[in-house]
Amino acid sequence: MNNVKRILFLSFLLSSFLSIPIYAQIWPKVYLQNYGTLPWSVIEHYDKGYLIGGWNIASDGYPINGLLIKTNINGDFIWNKTIGNINDKSGIYDINNTADGGSIIAGLTMKYDSWGDPFIMKLNPCGESEWCRIYTVVQDRFDHTTAIRQVPGGYIACVILGYELTSNNKLWLYRLDNNGDLIWQQLYGQKDTAMRGAEGEDMTVTPDNKYLISGWCYYPDSGIVWPKSLRPLLVKVDSAGSLDWEIPWDEIHDSSFRGEAYRSIADNNHIIYSCGRHIESSATPPGDRPTMMKTSPGGNEISYHDLVPDSWQAVFFNLNWFQDSTIEIDGGWSYSYADPGQLAVFKIDRNGNILDSVNIMETPYCFSDAIVDHDNKVFLVQPLYSYNQWRSYSWKLNSDLELDSLYTRPMVYDSLCPHPIVSDTIPLDCEVVGLDEPLKNPETGQLKVYPNPVGDILHIEIPPMIKTVTPIPSYDVTTVYHRWDKATLEIYDLFGKKLYSSTVRQNQPPIGLDVSAWNTGMYLVRLVYNGQTADSKKVVKK
């Protein structure tokens, strides 16, 4: 399963001896030491504490249930929440703040599928569930949500459907309203027929309010069809889900580029900076290099910067802006099979020049997430495996990449909750949403027009969902709008003259239109949404 693969990739060497430096009497912090846990995501909360999302985990790497940990500004434990019961086998992949002081969490649950379904849950400032959705598609497949963000009017989620490695049906965005109801769903990674297996590791909202997905795909070298190699993949779409561009990083400076992208950030000039791994199998020495990639606003490769040139296995998982517009980037590498592994945090400029760095420890286990907080400090979470158990750790560095000192000023936490928050379980009481049927059902989005032929009154039923199909050179883009505000209903005669136009809304009653005065002949009834014909029907006036 992909979750096991990711855990193994976090520990990109085969074994290590856990060695914590003697100066770490304050950092790192370890949480719930008597339980197997794995952190995936961290955010700074409204009260300057931190929220860590992850898993309670079994020794075999499978999730038991979701885990939410709250800490103070010093990283000290305050409370934790368990998401679902032991039979749900749920886990949090991503967590983010919401405007009301609550949070939005996303991940997977095995409540209805032993392999996994995506789930998304909105929590209020007290850590209580306001709504929850589980999205079921196909049984016995590892489907999961990798990223969730609040956007104007709702939420945007990156969802991976766990088809086989080279499937072209894996990478999706789901647009939700404020109540968690699906507005639209859209598939990506299909623009180029040579591309296979597109997958998204993370998603961010860019300064121009676009959605940027970072991940990987399989793509051949220029001029050939096979073999296909692992490439970094970036996908940029607008707020309506329409594709701006997709780019597999296949060639730069006349050289083939192989690797993966994990996270991306963009500057005010819309230049994109991505972290990941650069695979150089033909180099001397061969191996993986932890790298930063730069991409133009139009989706063209600009440059890459390998920060550890001679590494054998390596990856950068996280990057963030410092307040002076330099970049925090972190990850790990080894120089050989026998190397226990190096874990480090770098400060670099936009051209990949190293301004500062600190080696944190010798270990094969990378940081799973990192942020730069309001005070320009770096807060990182890390899974470590020792004594047959996974544990969750955190580190905090100042902007000079030194271990952060203790905050002694008293602070108030969870002030938006009217009562003390206790450690307990949040039930996974979710609405189950089936998503496969609307896409595959040919009747989705179709108008119903009757009687046909018509004499006096033409009845028109507006579909509850709208489905649009946009042909482009390589494939057709199908989008299902589960929630929509208004569309336009039009009727034309055979000469193209518009005889009727009206605004229609979702779930409105059927329309009864008096056509008794119309001439005998054929007419076209058309439903228009966002300037595009969603459906049309021909009707005969007798």
Protein backbone atom coordinates (compact mmCIF):
# COMPACT_ATOMS: atom_id res chain seq x y z
CA MET A 1 0.00 0.00 0.00
CA ASN A 2 1.08 3.56 -0.63
CA ASN A 3 1.03 4.48 3.07
CA VAL A 4 3.54 1.74 3.83
CA LYS A 5 5.64 2.83 0.85
CA ARG A 6 5.65 6.43 2.10
CA ILE A 7 6.75 5.33 5.58
CA LEU A 8 9.54 3.30 4.05
CA PHE A 9 10.50 6.27 1.89
CA LEU A 10 10.62 8.46 4.97
CA SER A 11 13.17 5.96 6.24
CA PHE A 12 15.04 5.96 2.97
CA LEU A 13 17.87 3.80 4.35
CA LEU A 14 17.31 0.29 5.59
CA SER A 15 18.37 0.67 9.23
CA SER A 16 19.89 3.15 11.65
CA PHE A 17 20.97 3.77 15.21
CA LEU A 18 18.92 6.58 16.74
CA SER A 19 21.35 9.19 18.02
CA ILE A 20 20.03 12.38 19.65
CA PRO A 21 22.66 15.06 20.35
CA ILE A 22 23.38 15.88 23.97
CA TYR A 23 22.20 19.50 23.55
CA ALA A 24 18.64 18.30 22.88
CA GLN A 25 17.48 18.44 26.52
CA ILE A 26 14.67 20.77 25.32
CA TRP A 27 14.37 19.66 21.70
CA PRO A 28 13.15 17.37 20.33
CA LYS A 29 9.83 16.88 22.07
CA VAL A 30 8.21 13.44 21.97
CA TYR A 31 4.47 12.84 22.26
CA LEU A 32 2.42 9.95 23.65
CA GLN A 33 5.54 7.87 24.19
CA ASN A 34 3.65 4.72 25.18
CA TYR A 35 1.71 4.59 21.91
CA GLY A 36 2.66 4.03 18.29
CA THR A 37 2.11 7.35 16.51
CA LEU A 38 3.10 8.95 13.23
CA PRO A 39 2.91 12.72 12.47
CA TRP A 40 2.03 13.82 8.93
CA SER A 41 1.12 17.51 9.10
CA VAL A 42 1.59 20.53 11.36
CA ILE A 43 0.11 24.05 11.47
CA GLU A 44 0.45 27.06 13.75
CA HIS A 45 -2.90 27.58 15.47
CA TYR A 46 -4.57 30.96 16.10
CA ASP A 47 -3.23 31.05 19.70
CA LYS A 48 0.41 30.51 18.64
CA GLY A 49 0.33 26.88 19.68
CA TYR A 50 0.68 24.05 17.15
CA LEU A 51 -1.69 21.40 15.83
CA ILE A 52 -0.16 18.14 14.62
CA GLY A 53 -2.20 15.74 12.54
CA GLY A 54 -1.25 12.11 12.04
CA TRP A 55 -1.98 8.51 12.93
CA ASN A 56 -2.12 6.18 15.83
CA ILE A 57 -0.26 3.40 14.12
CA ALA A 58 0.30 -0.33 14.41
CA SER A 59 3.78 -1.83 14.30
CA ASP A 60 3.18 -2.99 10.71
CA GLY A 61 2.73 0.64 9.55
CA TYR A 62 -1.06 0.55 9.15
CA PRO A 63 -3.21 3.25 10.76
CA ILE A 64 -5.35 2.42 13.79
CA ASN A 65 -7.13 5.75 13.96
CA GLY A 66 -6.51 9.42 13.29
CA LEU A 67 -4.53 11.52 15.75
CA LEU A 68 -4.66 15.25 16.52
CA ILE A 69 -2.16 16.72 19.01
CA LYS A 70 -2.26 20.27 20.40
CA THR A 71 0.93 21.82 21.85
CA ASN A 72 1.84 25.19 23.29
CA ILE A 73 4.33 27.59 21.69
CA ASN A 74 7.19 25.59 23.24
CA GLY A 75 5.96 22.37 21.69
CA ASP A 76 4.73 20.98 25.02
CA PHE A 77 1.72 18.68 24.92
CA ILE A 78 -1.70 20.17 25.84
CA TRP A 79 -4.28 17.64 24.58
CA ASN A 80 -4.90 15.07 21.89
CA LYS A 81 -7.92 13.80 19.95
CA THR A 82 -8.40 10.37 18.45
CA ILE A 83 -10.34 10.34 15.17
CA GLY A 84 -12.66 7.33 14.92
CA ASN A 85 -12.49 4.04 16.78
CA ILE A 86 -10.03 1.21 16.32
CA ASN A 87 -12.22 -0.53 13.73
CA ASP A 88 -12.33 2.57 11.49
CA LYS A 89 -8.55 2.45 10.86
CA SER A 90 -8.39 6.12 9.95
CA GLY A 91 -5.47 8.50 9.56
CA ILE A 92 -4.88 12.23 9.01
CA TYR A 93 -2.66 13.24 6.09
CA ASP A 94 -3.24 17.00 6.23
CA ILE A 95 -4.57 19.64 8.59
CA ASN A 96 -5.19 23.35 8.07
CA ASN A 97 -6.70 26.31 9.89
CA THR A 98 -10.15 27.68 9.12
CA ALA A 99 -11.23 31.30 9.40
CA ASP A 100 -13.40 30.65 12.47
CA GLY A 101 -10.50 29.37 14.58
CA GLY A 102 -11.31 25.75 13.88
CA SER A 103 -9.52 23.36 11.57
CA ILE A 104 -10.10 21.15 8.56
CA ILE A 105 -8.55 17.67 8.49
CA ALA A 106 -8.27 15.13 5.69
CA GLY A 107 -6.90 11.67 5.14
CA LEU A 108 -8.21 8.15 4.76
CA THR A 109 -10.46 5.71 6.58
CA MET A 110 -10.94 1.97 6.22
CA LYS A 111 -14.40 2.10 7.78
CA TYR A 112 -16.14 0.96 4.58
CA ASP A 113 -13.19 -0.27 2.50
CA SER A 114 -10.36 -2.33 3.97
CA TRP A 115 -7.92 -0.49 1.66
CA GLY A 116 -9.11 3.05 2.30
CA ASP A 117 -11.53 5.83 1.32
CA PRO A 118 -10.83 9.58 1.39
CA PHE A 119 -12.38 11.50 4.27
CA ILE A 120 -12.62 15.21 5.18
CA MET A 121 -13.79 16.58 8.55
CA LYS A 122 -14.41 20.16 9.74
CA LEU A 123 -13.66 20.82 13.42
CA ASN A 124 -14.80 23.80 15.46
CA PRO A 125 -12.42 25.68 17.83
CA CYS A 126 -13.20 23.11 20.56
CA GLY A 127 -12.00 20.23 18.40
CA GLU A 128 -15.54 18.95 17.83
CA SER A 129 -16.80 17.70 14.47
CA GLU A 130 -19.13 20.06 12.59
CA TRP A 131 -19.40 17.89 9.48
CA CYS A 132 -17.62 14.95 7.91
CA ARG A 133 -17.64 13.30 4.48
CA ILE A 134 -16.34 9.93 3.35
CA TYR A 135 -16.03 9.57 -0.44
CA THR A 136 -16.49 6.04 -1.73
CA VAL A 137 -15.56 5.13 -5.29
CA VAL A 138 -14.31 1.56 -5.74
CA GLN A 139 -13.68 -1.18 -3.17
CA ASP A 140 -10.25 -2.69 -2.43
CA ARG A 141 -8.23 0.32 -3.51
CA PHE A 142 -6.09 2.76 -1.51
CA ASP A 143 -7.98 6.04 -2.03
CA HIS A 144 -6.99 8.97 0.19
CA THR A 145 -6.93 12.77 0.56
CA THR A 146 -3.41 14.22 0.55
CA ALA A 147 -4.14 17.95 1.00
CA ILE A 148 -6.99 20.23 2.10
CA ARG A 149 -7.20 24.06 2.02
CA GLN A 150 -9.89 26.59 2.86
CA VAL A 151 -10.66 28.88 -0.08
CA PRO A 152 -13.34 31.56 -0.57
CA GLY A 153 -16.73 29.88 -0.31
CA GLY A 154 -15.48 26.52 0.91
CA TYR A 155 -12.59 24.09 0.54
CA ILE A 156 -10.37 22.51 -2.11
CA ALA A 157 -8.99 19.00 -1.62
CA CYS A 158 -6.41 16.95 -3.51
CA VAL A 159 -7.55 13.32 -3.67
CA ILE A 160 -5.57 10.32 -4.94
CA LEU A 161 -7.46 7.28 -6.19
CA GLY A 162 -5.26 4.24 -5.68
CA TYR A 163 -5.35 2.66 -9.10
CA GLU A 164 -2.36 0.71 -10.37
CA LEU A 165 0.95 2.53 -10.62
CA THR A 166 0.56 3.80 -14.19
CA SER A 167 -3.19 4.53 -14.18
CA ASN A 168 -4.40 7.78 -15.73
CA ASN A 169 -7.30 8.07 -13.31
CA LYS A 170 -5.57 8.90 -10.02
CA LEU A 171 -5.16 12.66 -9.51
CA TRP A 172 -8.31 14.62 -8.58
CA LEU A 173 -9.40 17.91 -7.05
CA TYR A 174 -12.67 18.10 -5.12
CA ARG A 175 -14.24 21.53 -4.58
CA LEU A 176 -16.51 21.69 -1.51
CA ASP A 177 -18.80 24.38 -0.19
CA ASN A 178 -18.68 25.62 3.42
CA ASN A 179 -20.92 22.76 4.55
CA GLY A 180 -18.74 20.09 2.94
CA ASP A 181 -21.06 19.42 0.00
CA LEU A 182 -19.31 18.65 -3.27
CA ILE A 183 -19.46 21.44 -5.88
CA TRP A 184 -17.28 19.85 -8.54
CA GLN A 185 -14.73 17.10 -9.06
CA GLN A 186 -12.01 17.18 -11.69
CA LEU A 187 -9.38 14.73 -12.96
CA TYR A 188 -5.86 15.85 -13.95
CA GLY A 189 -2.69 14.31 -15.31
CA GLN A 190 -4.15 13.46 -18.72
CA LYS A 191 -3.15 16.33 -21.00
CA ASP A 192 -0.24 14.49 -22.58
CA THR A 193 -1.01 10.96 -23.77
CA ALA A 194 2.62 9.95 -23.05
CA MET A 195 2.11 10.69 -19.34
CA ARG A 196 1.12 7.85 -17.03
CA GLY A 197 0.40 7.44 -13.33
CA ALA A 198 0.11 11.12 -12.34
CA GLU A 199 -0.01 11.48 -8.56
CA GLY A 200 -0.12 14.47 -6.22
CA GLU A 201 1.76 14.65 -2.93
CA ASP A 202 0.70 18.18 -1.96
CA MET A 203 -1.37 21.16 -3.08
CA THR A 204 -1.08 24.85 -2.32
CA VAL A 205 -2.97 28.03 -3.17
CA THR A 206 -0.70 30.43 -5.10
CA PRO A 207 -0.58 34.25 -4.69
CA ASP A 208 -2.76 34.59 -7.82
CA ASN A 209 -5.41 32.31 -6.22
CA LYS A 210 -4.66 29.30 -8.40
CA TYR A 211 -4.30 25.71 -7.18
CA LEU A 212 -0.85 24.17 -7.58
CA ILE A 213 -0.37 20.41 -7.24
CA SER A 214 3.11 18.91 -6.70
CA GLY A 215 3.79 15.25 -7.33
CA TRP A 216 5.18 12.86 -9.90
CA CYS A 217 4.33 10.86 -12.99
CA TYR A 218 5.93 8.50 -15.51
CA TYR A 219 7.05 10.11 -18.75
CA PRO A 220 9.46 9.06 -21.55
CA ASP A 221 12.52 10.88 -22.80
CA SER A 222 11.97 13.17 -25.76
CA GLY A 223 11.21 11.44 -29.03
CA ILE A 224 10.44 7.98 -27.62
CA VAL A 225 7.43 6.18 -26.17
CA TRP A 226 9.09 3.68 -23.82
CA PRO A 227 10.55 3.35 -21.29
CA LYS A 228 8.79 5.90 -19.12
CA SER A 229 10.80 7.31 -16.22
CA LEU A 230 9.77 8.83 -12.91
CA ARG A 231 9.46 12.62 -13.27
CA PRO A 232 8.48 15.54 -11.01
CA LEU A 233 4.98 16.76 -11.94
CA LEU A 234 3.42 20.19 -11.42
CA VAL A 235 -0.23 20.95 -12.23
CA LYS A 236 -1.72 24.46 -12.05
CA VAL A 237 -5.46 25.09 -12.33
CA ASP A 238 -7.72 28.09 -11.80
CA SER A 239 -10.30 28.48 -9.06
CA ALA A 240 -13.00 26.90 -11.24
CA GLY A 241 -10.87 23.79 -11.81
CA SER A 242 -9.91 24.61 -15.40
CA LEU A 243 -6.39 23.52 -16.29
CA ASP A 244 -3.75 26.22 -16.76
CA TRP A 245 -0.94 23.75 -17.45
CA GLU A 246 0.60 20.40 -16.53
CA ILE A 247 4.32 19.84 -16.70
CA PRO A 248 6.36 16.69 -16.18
CA TRP A 249 9.91 17.85 -15.51
CA ASP A 250 11.34 15.72 -18.30
CA GLU A 251 14.16 17.79 -19.81
CA ILE A 252 16.19 20.82 -18.79
CA HIS A 253 19.30 22.28 -20.42
CA ASP A 254 19.15 19.47 -23.03
CA SER A 255 19.41 16.83 -20.29
CA SER A 256 16.80 14.35 -19.12
CA PHE A 257 15.56 15.00 -15.58
CA ARG A 258 14.16 12.26 -13.32
CA GLY A 259 12.80 12.48 -9.83
CA GLU A 260 9.83 13.62 -7.74
CA ALA A 261 8.34 16.86 -6.40
CA TYR A 262 6.86 16.94 -2.91
CA ARG A 263 5.91 20.51 -2.03
CA SER A 264 5.93 23.85 -3.80
CA ILE A 265 5.73 27.55 -2.98
CA ALA A 266 5.40 30.54 -5.30
CA ASP A 267 6.69 34.11 -5.05
CA ASN A 268 4.88 37.31 -5.99
CA ASN A 269 6.29 37.03 -9.52
CA HIS A 270 4.62 33.60 -9.76
CA ILE A 271 7.95 31.75 -9.97
CA ILE A 272 7.45 28.29 -8.45
CA TYR A 273 9.97 26.63 -6.13
CA SER A 274 9.59 22.89 -5.50
CA CYS A 275 11.46 20.46 -3.28
CA GLY A 276 12.03 16.79 -3.96
CA ARG A 277 14.59 14.36 -5.28
CA HIS A 278 16.73 14.32 -8.41
CA ILE A 279 17.57 10.82 -9.63
CA GLU A 280 20.92 10.63 -11.44
CA SER A 281 21.40 6.96 -12.26
CA SER A 282 24.06 7.63 -14.90
CA ALA A 283 26.10 10.16 -12.91
CA THR A 284 29.39 9.52 -11.15
CA PRO A 285 28.63 8.57 -8.46
CA PRO A 286 25.05 7.58 -9.27
CA GLY A 287 22.29 8.29 -6.77
CA ASP A 288 19.54 10.60 -5.54
CA ARG A 289 20.20 14.26 -4.83
CA PRO A 290 18.04 16.40 -2.53
CA THR A 291 17.01 19.20 -4.85
CA MET A 292 15.09 22.43 -5.33
CA MET A 293 13.45 23.03 -8.73
CA LYS A 294 12.39 26.37 -10.21
CA THR A 295 9.50 26.59 -12.69
CA SER A 296 8.27 29.61 -14.64
CA PRO A 297 4.75 31.07 -14.29
CA GLY A 298 3.90 29.50 -17.64
CA GLY A 299 5.01 26.02 -16.61
CA ASN A 300 8.52 25.80 -18.07
CA GLU A 301 11.59 24.39 -16.33
CA ILE A 302 14.02 27.13 -15.27
CA SER A 303 16.68 25.44 -13.14
CA TYR A 304 17.38 22.86 -10.46
CA HIS A 305 19.76 23.02 -7.52
CA ASP A 306 21.15 19.86 -5.94
CA LEU A 307 22.24 20.79 -2.43
CA VAL A 308 24.12 17.54 -1.68
CA PRO A 309 25.76 16.58 -5.00
CA ASP A 310 27.25 13.17 -4.10
CA SER A 311 24.41 11.62 -2.11
CA TRP A 312 23.34 8.04 -2.71
CA GLN A 313 19.70 8.25 -1.55
CA ALA A 314 18.05 11.55 -0.69
CA VAL A 315 14.92 13.67 -0.60
CA PHE A 316 13.68 17.11 0.46
CA PHE A 317 10.12 16.91 1.79
CA ASN A 318 9.42 20.50 2.92
CA LEU A 319 10.12 24.09 1.99
CA ASN A 320 8.78 27.40 3.32
CA TRP A 321 9.37 31.13 3.05
CA PHE A 322 11.32 32.93 5.73
CA GLN A 323 10.20 36.52 6.34
CA ASP A 324 13.19 37.87 4.43
CA SER A 325 12.14 35.84 1.33
CA THR A 326 14.88 33.29 1.78
CA ILE A 327 13.76 29.65 1.77
CA GLU A 328 13.70 26.99 4.48
CA ILE A 329 14.16 23.52 2.98
CA ASP A 330 14.72 20.25 4.83
CA GLY A 331 15.26 16.57 4.26
CA GLY A 332 17.77 13.80 4.46
CA TRP A 333 20.33 11.81 2.53
CA SER A 334 22.91 9.08 2.80
CA TYR A 335 26.23 8.71 1.03
CA SER A 336 26.23 4.92 0.85
CA TYR A 337 24.34 1.82 1.90
CA ALA A 338 26.28 1.76 5.15
CA ASP A 339 25.75 5.46 5.95
CA PRO A 340 23.27 5.82 8.87
CA GLY A 341 21.78 8.88 7.14
CA GLN A 342 21.96 12.63 7.60
CA LEU A 343 18.97 14.84 8.51
CA ALA A 344 19.35 18.58 8.00
CA VAL A 345 17.64 21.95 7.60
CA PHE A 346 18.95 24.52 5.11
CA LYS A 347 18.42 28.20 4.52
CA ILE A 348 18.91 29.00 0.83
CA ASP A 349 18.29 31.89 -1.53
CA ARG A 350 16.04 31.70 -4.58
CA ASN A 351 18.94 30.50 -6.73
CA GLY A 352 19.65 27.53 -4.48
CA ASN A 353 22.74 29.00 -2.81
CA ILE A 354 23.20 27.70 0.74
CA LEU A 355 23.17 30.58 3.24
CA ASP A 356 23.10 28.43 6.37
CA SER A 357 22.49 24.84 7.37
CA VAL A 358 22.32 22.61 10.41
CA ASN A 359 22.66 18.83 10.64
CA ILE A 360 20.01 17.70 13.11
CA MET A 361 20.95 14.08 13.62
CA GLU A 362 22.10 10.83 12.06
CA THR A 363 18.92 8.99 11.14
CA PRO A 364 17.13 7.68 8.06
CA TYR A 365 13.83 9.30 9.09
CA CYS A 366 13.02 12.65 7.49
CA PHE A 367 10.75 15.39 8.76
CA SER A 368 7.24 14.71 7.52
CA ASP A 369 6.18 18.38 7.69
CA ALA A 370 7.56 21.79 8.60
CA ILE A 371 6.30 25.37 8.87
CA VAL A 372 7.76 28.82 9.44
CA ASP A 373 5.59 30.46 12.10
CA HIS A 374 4.60 34.05 12.96
CA ASP A 375 7.91 34.61 14.77
CA ASN A 376 10.02 33.38 11.83
CA LYS A 377 10.77 30.13 13.67
CA VAL A 378 10.88 26.71 12.00
CA PHE A 379 8.67 24.05 13.61
CA LEU A 380 9.19 20.52 12.28
CA VAL A 381 7.54 17.19 13.01
CA GLN A 382 9.26 13.88 12.52
CA PRO A 383 8.47 10.16 12.82
CA LEU A 384 11.16 8.04 14.46
CA TYR A 385 11.11 4.27 14.75
CA SER A 386 12.82 2.73 17.75
CA TYR A 387 12.20 -0.19 20.08
CA ASN A 388 9.67 -1.66 17.60
CA GLN A 389 7.44 1.39 17.69
CA TRP A 390 6.82 4.62 15.77
CA ARG A 391 6.84 7.83 17.79
CA SER A 392 6.07 11.48 17.00
CA TYR A 393 8.74 14.13 17.60
CA SER A 394 8.97 17.88 17.06
CA TRP A 395 11.87 20.29 16.66
CA LYS A 396 11.94 24.07 16.69
CA LEU A 397 14.69 26.26 15.25
CA ASN A 398 15.09 30.02 15.09
CA SER A 399 15.83 31.81 11.81
CA ASP A 400 19.57 31.23 12.38
CA LEU A 401 18.79 27.49 12.47
CA GLU A 402 19.68 27.21 16.15
CA LEU A 403 17.53 25.23 18.60
CA ASP A 404 14.86 27.58 19.82
CA SER A 405 14.98 28.88 23.38
CA LEU A 406 12.14 28.62 25.88
CA TYR A 407 9.25 31.11 25.76
CA THR A 408 8.55 32.17 29.36
CA ARG A 409 5.76 34.74 28.81
CA PRO A 410 2.39 33.32 29.94
CA MET A 411 0.00 32.61 27.06
CA VAL A 412 -3.65 31.57 26.84
CA TYR A 413 -4.54 28.64 24.61
CA ASP A 414 -7.85 27.56 23.06
CA SER A 415 -9.49 30.85 24.05
CA LEU A 416 -12.16 30.53 21.34
CA CYS A 417 -13.59 27.45 23.05
CA PRO A 418 -15.93 28.30 25.96
CA HIS A 419 -14.83 25.27 27.97
CA PRO A 420 -11.55 23.39 28.58
CA ILE A 421 -10.66 20.97 25.79
CA VAL A 422 -10.03 17.44 27.00
CA SER A 423 -8.33 14.51 25.31
CA ASP A 424 -10.99 12.21 23.92
CA THR A 425 -12.29 10.55 20.74
CA ILE A 426 -14.07 12.29 17.85
CA PRO A 427 -16.47 9.75 16.30
CA LEU A 428 -16.15 9.23 12.58
CA ASP A 429 -19.86 9.88 12.04
CA CYS A 430 -19.64 10.91 8.40
CA GLU A 431 -22.00 11.28 5.50
CA VAL A 432 -20.96 8.75 2.84
CA VAL A 433 -20.82 10.22 -0.66
CA GLY A 434 -20.62 7.93 -3.70
CA LEU A 435 -18.72 9.64 -6.52
CA ASP A 436 -18.36 7.07 -9.29
CA GLU A 437 -21.99 6.93 -10.40
CA PRO A 438 -22.43 10.60 -11.51
CA LEU A 439 -19.32 10.41 -13.71
CA LYS A 440 -20.19 7.13 -15.39
CA ASN A 441 -23.99 7.49 -15.59
CA PRO A 442 -24.88 8.79 -19.08
CA GLU A 443 -28.02 10.43 -17.66
CA THR A 444 -26.08 12.71 -15.30
CA GLY A 445 -26.62 16.33 -16.32
CA GLN A 446 -29.25 15.60 -18.98
CA LEU A 447 -32.33 17.73 -19.57
CA LYS A 448 -35.72 16.04 -19.63
CA VAL A 449 -37.99 17.53 -22.31
CA TYR A 450 -41.55 16.23 -22.84
CA PRO A 451 -43.86 15.58 -24.53
CA ASN A 452 -42.00 15.20 -27.78
CA PRO A 453 -43.57 16.02 -30.20
CA VAL A 454 -45.22 18.82 -28.26
CA GLY A 455 -48.53 20.57 -28.93
CA ASP A 456 -49.20 23.34 -26.43
CA ILE A 457 -47.17 23.01 -23.21
CA LEU A 458 -43.51 21.92 -23.23
CA HIS A 459 -42.28 20.55 -19.90
CA ILE A 460 -38.57 20.91 -19.10
CA GLU A 461 -36.85 19.36 -16.07
CA ILE A 462 -33.49 20.81 -15.04
CA PRO A 463 -30.95 18.14 -13.93
CA PRO A 464 -29.84 18.20 -10.26
CA MET A 465 -26.20 17.95 -11.38
CA ILE A 466 -24.47 19.51 -14.36
CA LYS A 467 -21.90 17.58 -16.36
CA THR A 468 -19.67 19.30 -18.91
CA VAL A 469 -17.29 17.65 -21.38
CA THR A 470 -14.52 19.80 -22.81
CA PRO A 471 -12.55 18.30 -25.72
CA ILE A 472 -8.88 19.22 -25.98
CA PRO A 473 -6.29 17.70 -28.36
CA SER A 474 -5.29 14.76 -26.17
CA TYR A 475 -8.47 13.89 -24.27
CA ASP A 476 -11.89 15.06 -23.07
CA VAL A 477 -12.17 16.78 -19.69
CA THR A 478 -15.34 15.72 -17.84
CA THR A 479 -16.48 17.77 -14.87
CA VAL A 480 -19.48 17.01 -12.65
CA TYR A 481 -20.90 19.99 -10.74
CA HIS A 482 -22.72 18.55 -7.73
CA ARG A 483 -23.58 22.02 -6.45
CA TRP A 484 -24.31 24.95 -8.74
CA ASP A 485 -26.05 28.29 -8.40
CA LYS A 486 -27.52 29.19 -11.76
CA ALA A 487 -27.42 28.31 -15.44
CA THR A 488 -29.19 29.52 -18.57
CA LEU A 489 -31.92 27.67 -20.45
CA GLU A 490 -32.22 28.66 -24.12
CA ILE A 491 -34.42 27.56 -27.03
CA TYR A 492 -33.55 28.15 -30.71
CA ASP A 493 -35.36 27.49 -33.96
CA LEU A 494 -33.67 25.76 -36.91
CA PHE A 495 -32.43 29.09 -38.25
CA GLY A 496 -30.53 29.84 -35.04
CA LYS A 497 -32.96 32.47 -33.79
CA LYS A 498 -33.22 32.53 -30.00
CA LEU A 499 -36.87 32.30 -28.99
CA TYR A 500 -36.49 31.82 -25.27
CA SER A 501 -33.91 32.46 -22.53
CA SER A 502 -34.26 32.13 -18.79
CA THR A 503 -32.06 31.77 -15.72
CA VAL A 504 -32.55 28.41 -13.98
CA ARG A 505 -31.34 27.16 -10.63
CA GLN A 506 -30.48 23.84 -9.06
CA ASN A 507 -33.44 21.79 -7.77
CA GLN A 508 -36.07 24.16 -9.16
CA PRO A 509 -39.48 22.72 -10.14
CA PRO A 510 -40.10 21.64 -13.77
CA ILE A 511 -40.82 24.44 -16.22
CA GLY A 512 -44.11 24.47 -18.17
CA LEU A 513 -43.63 26.59 -21.31
CA ASP A 514 -46.55 27.57 -23.57
CA VAL A 515 -45.39 26.97 -27.17
CA SER A 516 -48.85 26.81 -28.76
CA ALA A 517 -48.14 29.86 -30.92
CA TRP A 518 -44.85 28.52 -32.29
CA ASN A 519 -44.60 27.33 -35.86
CA THR A 520 -44.51 23.63 -36.66
CA GLY A 521 -40.96 22.34 -36.87
CA MET A 522 -37.87 21.38 -34.89
CA TYR A 523 -36.36 23.37 -32.01
CA LEU A 524 -33.20 23.07 -29.92
CA VAL A 525 -33.36 23.29 -26.12
CA ARG A 526 -29.96 24.12 -24.60
CA LEU A 527 -28.62 24.29 -21.02
CA VAL A 528 -25.63 26.64 -20.70
CA TYR A 529 -23.33 26.70 -17.68
CA ASN A 530 -20.25 28.93 -17.35
CA GLY A 531 -20.55 29.79 -21.03
CA GLN A 532 -20.46 26.15 -22.11
CA THR A 533 -23.24 23.91 -23.41
CA ALA A 534 -23.90 21.35 -20.70
CA ASP A 535 -26.72 19.54 -22.52
CA SER A 536 -29.11 20.01 -25.43
CA LYS A 537 -32.25 18.30 -26.67
CA LYS A 538 -34.17 18.51 -29.95
CA VAL A 539 -37.94 18.80 -29.75
CA VAL A 540 -40.57 18.81 -32.50
CA LYS A 541 -43.52 21.22 -32.44
CA LYS A 542 -46.48 19.58 -34.13
